[in-house]
Protein backbone atom coordinates (compact mmCIF):
# COMPACT_ATOMS: atom_id res chain seq x y z
CA MET A 1 8.96 -193.40 6.20
CA ASN A 2 12.24 -194.12 8.01
CA LYS A 3 12.63 -197.90 8.14
CA TYR A 4 13.58 -197.53 11.83
CA SER A 5 10.83 -195.08 12.80
CA LYS A 6 8.53 -195.60 15.79
CA ASP A 7 5.66 -196.52 13.43
CA SER A 8 7.68 -199.14 11.54
CA ILE A 9 8.93 -200.66 14.79
CA MET A 10 5.40 -200.75 16.17
CA GLY A 11 4.28 -202.62 13.07
CA ALA A 12 6.88 -205.31 13.77
CA ILE A 13 5.66 -205.89 17.33
CA LYS A 14 3.13 -208.66 17.71
CA VAL A 15 1.21 -209.69 20.78
CA GLY A 16 1.48 -213.39 21.45
CA ALA A 17 2.38 -216.02 23.99
CA PRO A 18 5.82 -215.41 25.53
CA LYS A 19 8.49 -217.99 24.69
CA GLN A 20 10.37 -217.70 28.00
CA LEU A 21 13.34 -215.89 26.51
CA PHE A 22 14.21 -214.41 29.87
CA GLU A 23 14.10 -215.05 33.59
CA LEU A 24 14.61 -212.25 36.10
CA THR A 25 14.77 -212.41 39.88
CA ASP A 26 12.26 -210.46 41.97
CA ALA A 27 15.03 -208.01 42.90
CA GLN A 28 15.87 -207.42 39.23
CA VAL A 29 12.21 -206.90 38.35
CA LYS A 30 11.80 -204.35 41.15
CA VAL A 31 14.70 -202.20 39.91
CA ILE A 32 13.13 -201.78 36.43
CA GLY A 33 11.88 -198.22 36.47
CA ASN A 34 10.33 -197.70 33.04
CA VAL A 35 9.35 -199.41 29.80
CA ALA A 36 12.72 -198.73 28.13
CA GLN A 37 14.56 -200.52 30.93
CA ALA A 38 12.22 -203.49 30.63
CA VAL A 39 12.84 -203.62 26.88
CA LEU A 40 16.60 -203.45 27.42
CA ALA A 41 16.56 -206.16 30.09
CA VAL A 42 14.66 -208.62 27.88
CA THR A 43 16.86 -207.81 24.88
CA ALA A 44 20.00 -208.45 26.91
CA LEU A 45 18.83 -211.89 28.00
CA ALA A 46 17.35 -212.90 24.66
CA GLY A 47 20.41 -212.15 22.51
CA ALA A 48 19.97 -211.43 18.79
CA VAL A 49 16.28 -212.10 18.26
CA VAL A 50 13.44 -211.11 15.95
CA LEU A 51 11.45 -208.24 17.42
CA SER A 52 8.11 -210.02 17.08
CA ALA A 53 9.49 -212.94 19.11
CA VAL A 54 10.84 -210.89 22.01
CA ALA A 55 7.85 -208.52 22.31
CA PRO A 56 5.52 -210.96 24.14
CA ASN A 57 8.19 -211.43 26.80
CA ILE A 58 8.32 -207.67 27.31
CA PHE A 59 4.54 -207.59 27.82
CA GLN A 60 4.90 -210.40 30.38
CA LEU A 61 7.68 -208.58 32.25
CA LEU A 62 5.77 -205.30 32.33
CA ASP A 63 2.83 -207.07 33.92
CA LYS A 64 5.14 -207.92 36.86
CA VAL A 65 6.84 -204.60 37.60
CA PRO A 66 5.61 -202.90 40.80
CA TRP A 67 4.80 -199.53 39.20
CA ARG A 68 2.72 -200.91 36.31
CA LYS A 69 -0.72 -200.74 37.96
CA LYS A 70 -0.15 -197.27 39.39
CA THR A 71 1.33 -195.76 36.23
CA TYR A 72 -0.75 -197.54 33.59
CA SER A 73 -4.23 -198.06 34.99
CA LYS A 74 -5.45 -199.55 31.68
CA TRP A 75 -2.30 -201.56 30.96
CA ASN A 76 -4.10 -204.90 30.59
CA SER A 77 -7.05 -203.62 28.57
CA ARG A 78 -5.32 -201.54 25.88
CA ARG A 79 -2.69 -203.64 24.11
CA LYS A 80 -2.34 -201.08 21.31
CA ASP A 81 -1.17 -198.47 23.83
CA GLN A 82 1.31 -200.99 25.20
CA GLN A 83 2.66 -201.72 21.72
CA GLU A 84 3.11 -198.01 21.11
CA LYS A 85 5.02 -197.50 24.37
CA ILE A 86 7.28 -200.48 23.63
CA ALA A 87 7.88 -199.29 20.05
CA LYS A 88 8.85 -195.83 21.34
CA SER A 89 11.21 -197.48 23.82
CA PHE A 90 12.95 -199.47 21.08
CA TYR A 91 13.26 -196.29 19.02
CA TYR A 92 14.70 -194.41 22.02
CA LEU A 93 17.16 -197.22 22.84
CA LYS A 94 18.34 -197.35 19.23
CA LYS A 95 18.86 -193.57 19.09
CA ARG A 96 20.88 -193.72 22.34
CA GLY A 97 23.02 -196.56 21.04
CA TYR A 98 21.80 -199.17 23.54
CA VAL A 99 20.46 -201.57 20.88
CA GLU A 100 20.94 -202.26 17.19
CA LEU A 101 18.07 -202.97 14.78
CA LYS A 102 18.62 -204.77 11.48
CA ASN A 103 16.25 -205.85 8.74
CA SER A 104 16.04 -209.57 8.04
CA GLU A 105 13.73 -211.87 6.11
CA LYS A 106 11.80 -212.55 9.32
CA GLY A 107 11.55 -208.87 10.29
CA PHE A 108 13.52 -206.58 12.57
CA THR A 109 16.31 -208.28 14.52
CA VAL A 110 17.24 -206.54 17.78
CA THR A 111 20.62 -206.90 19.52
CA ILE A 112 21.99 -205.20 22.60
CA THR A 113 25.19 -203.16 22.19
CA GLU A 114 28.16 -202.87 24.53
CA LYS A 115 26.77 -199.54 25.74
CA GLY A 116 23.49 -201.30 26.45
CA ARG A 117 25.28 -204.01 28.43
CA GLU A 118 26.94 -201.34 30.56
CA LYS A 119 23.48 -199.92 31.29
CA ILE A 120 22.28 -203.40 32.30
CA LYS A 121 25.28 -203.79 34.60
CA LEU A 122 24.27 -200.59 36.36
CA MET A 123 20.71 -201.87 36.79
CA GLN A 124 22.02 -205.17 38.18
CA PHE A 125 24.35 -203.26 40.48
CA LYS A 126 21.46 -201.36 42.03
CA SER A 127 19.36 -204.49 42.56
CA MET A 128 22.13 -206.68 43.96
CA ALA A 129 21.59 -208.83 47.06
CA ILE A 130 23.39 -211.83 48.53
CA PRO A 131 21.12 -214.89 48.56
CA ALA A 132 20.92 -217.15 51.61
CA LYS A 133 21.48 -220.55 50.02
CA GLY A 134 19.96 -223.07 52.38
CA LYS A 135 20.75 -223.40 56.07
CA TRP A 136 23.82 -221.56 57.35
CA ASN A 137 26.77 -223.95 57.79
CA ASN A 138 28.45 -221.90 60.57
CA HIS A 139 31.24 -220.80 58.24
CA TRP A 140 32.16 -217.18 57.65
CA TRP A 141 33.17 -215.37 54.48
CA LEU A 142 35.80 -212.66 54.81
CA VAL A 143 36.30 -209.95 52.21
CA LEU A 144 39.72 -208.30 52.40
CA ALA A 145 39.94 -205.07 50.46
CA ASP A 146 43.48 -203.72 50.81
CA VAL A 147 43.14 -200.94 48.25
CA PRO A 148 45.89 -198.32 47.84
CA SER A 149 44.70 -194.83 48.72
CA ASP A 150 46.35 -193.29 45.68
CA PRO A 151 44.87 -193.26 43.06
CA PHE A 152 42.01 -195.56 44.13
CA ARG A 153 40.60 -193.74 47.17
CA THR A 154 37.29 -192.83 45.50
CA TYR A 155 36.75 -196.38 44.21
CA ALA A 156 37.74 -197.91 47.57
CA ASP A 157 35.27 -195.68 49.42
CA ALA A 158 32.50 -196.54 46.95
CA PHE A 159 33.31 -200.25 47.29
CA ARG A 160 33.08 -200.09 51.09
CA LYS A 161 29.80 -198.18 50.87
CA LYS A 162 28.28 -200.79 48.57
CA ILE A 163 29.53 -203.66 50.75
CA LYS A 164 27.92 -202.00 53.75
CA THR A 165 24.56 -201.65 51.97
CA LEU A 166 24.68 -205.40 51.24
CA GLY A 167 24.79 -206.08 54.97
CA PHE A 168 28.41 -207.04 55.60
CA TYR A 169 29.85 -206.57 59.09
CA PRO A 170 32.98 -204.34 59.21
CA LEU A 171 35.35 -206.44 61.32
CA GLN A 172 38.16 -204.02 60.46
CA ARG A 173 38.45 -201.10 58.08
CA THR A 174 39.62 -203.39 55.27
CA VAL A 175 37.95 -206.63 56.43
CA TRP A 176 34.26 -207.35 55.97
CA VAL A 177 32.33 -210.47 57.03
CA TYR A 178 29.19 -212.25 55.82
CA PRO A 179 27.75 -215.68 56.75
CA PHE A 180 26.80 -216.74 53.20
CA ASP A 181 28.88 -217.09 50.05
CA PRO A 182 29.20 -213.58 48.51
CA ARG A 183 31.80 -214.36 45.83
CA ASP A 184 29.69 -213.64 42.75
CA GLU A 185 28.43 -210.34 44.13
CA VAL A 186 31.80 -209.17 45.49
CA ASP A 187 33.55 -210.13 42.26
CA PHE A 188 30.99 -208.07 40.34
CA ILE A 189 31.33 -205.04 42.64
CA SER A 190 35.13 -205.07 42.73
CA ALA A 191 35.31 -205.40 38.94
CA TYR A 192 32.74 -202.63 38.56
CA TYR A 193 34.99 -200.29 40.54
CA LYS A 194 38.15 -201.64 38.85
CA ILE A 195 39.77 -202.71 42.13
CA ASP A 196 39.32 -206.49 41.83
CA ARG A 197 43.08 -207.14 41.96
CA PHE A 198 43.12 -205.72 45.49
CA VAL A 199 40.18 -207.74 46.82
CA THR A 200 40.48 -211.23 48.35
CA ILE A 201 37.64 -213.47 49.53
CA MET A 202 38.13 -216.39 51.89
CA GLU A 203 35.96 -218.86 53.78
CA VAL A 204 36.85 -219.52 57.43
CA VAL A 205 35.51 -222.00 59.96
CA SER A 206 36.68 -220.35 63.18
CA LEU A 207 37.16 -216.84 64.50
CA ASP A 208 38.22 -215.13 67.70
CA PRO A 209 35.49 -215.80 70.33
CA GLN A 210 34.85 -212.11 70.91
CA ASP A 211 34.54 -211.44 67.16
CA LEU A 212 32.31 -214.48 66.82
CA LYS A 213 29.95 -213.19 69.51
CA LYS A 214 29.66 -209.80 67.81
CA LEU A 215 29.07 -211.36 64.39
CA LYS A 216 26.40 -213.77 65.55
CA GLY A 217 24.59 -211.01 67.43
CA PHE A 218 24.76 -208.68 64.43
CA PHE A 219 23.45 -211.16 61.86
CA LYS A 220 20.81 -212.61 64.17
CA ASP A 221 19.44 -209.12 64.76
CA LYS A 222 19.32 -208.63 60.99
CA GLY A 223 17.50 -211.94 60.53
CA VAL A 224 20.23 -213.29 58.26
CA ILE A 225 21.07 -216.35 60.39
């Protein structure tokens, strides 16, 4: 038997109490679309870890995903089926180069690869949202994206599209506004599209009265402020 076969991996998976190796936001949980993605997400957050230690956390995560009850009607009652699905997912992820599996004295050790981290970035990208941290302080955050058309037009258009889906107000073609601190999210997006050197973020306390009226109306209608 191949030491990295589905059966050998399944034998290394044990059902037990999760050890809190991960913590995902509700938005990140919602974007997980299948068992393999859940396995990859937990592996990414756990680091190099013995398979039997990370498996209980995968069971816990899969109990939270929105599609679990609809797709696996007997998910809670048939742990052996769950183990088999998780083992197949590890096998699939290894074959695709998303994780590495190594034998150790304690059993299989699983580690995410750089290719796997890129996959996680894409999952995070899809689930991204800007959190409202406490009460709004009446300051505004401006994102200035002065991106050269050549050769970055495609990336600039994709950046603007993503910024729009996050709820920013387009004050000008290259200026976007949001009432809460978006630096982490905008830094991630601009780096993702490789245009971060063209993007500037600033916090301002006052704006033109006409612009201010439009912004307050826009974000109040959206329920953001």
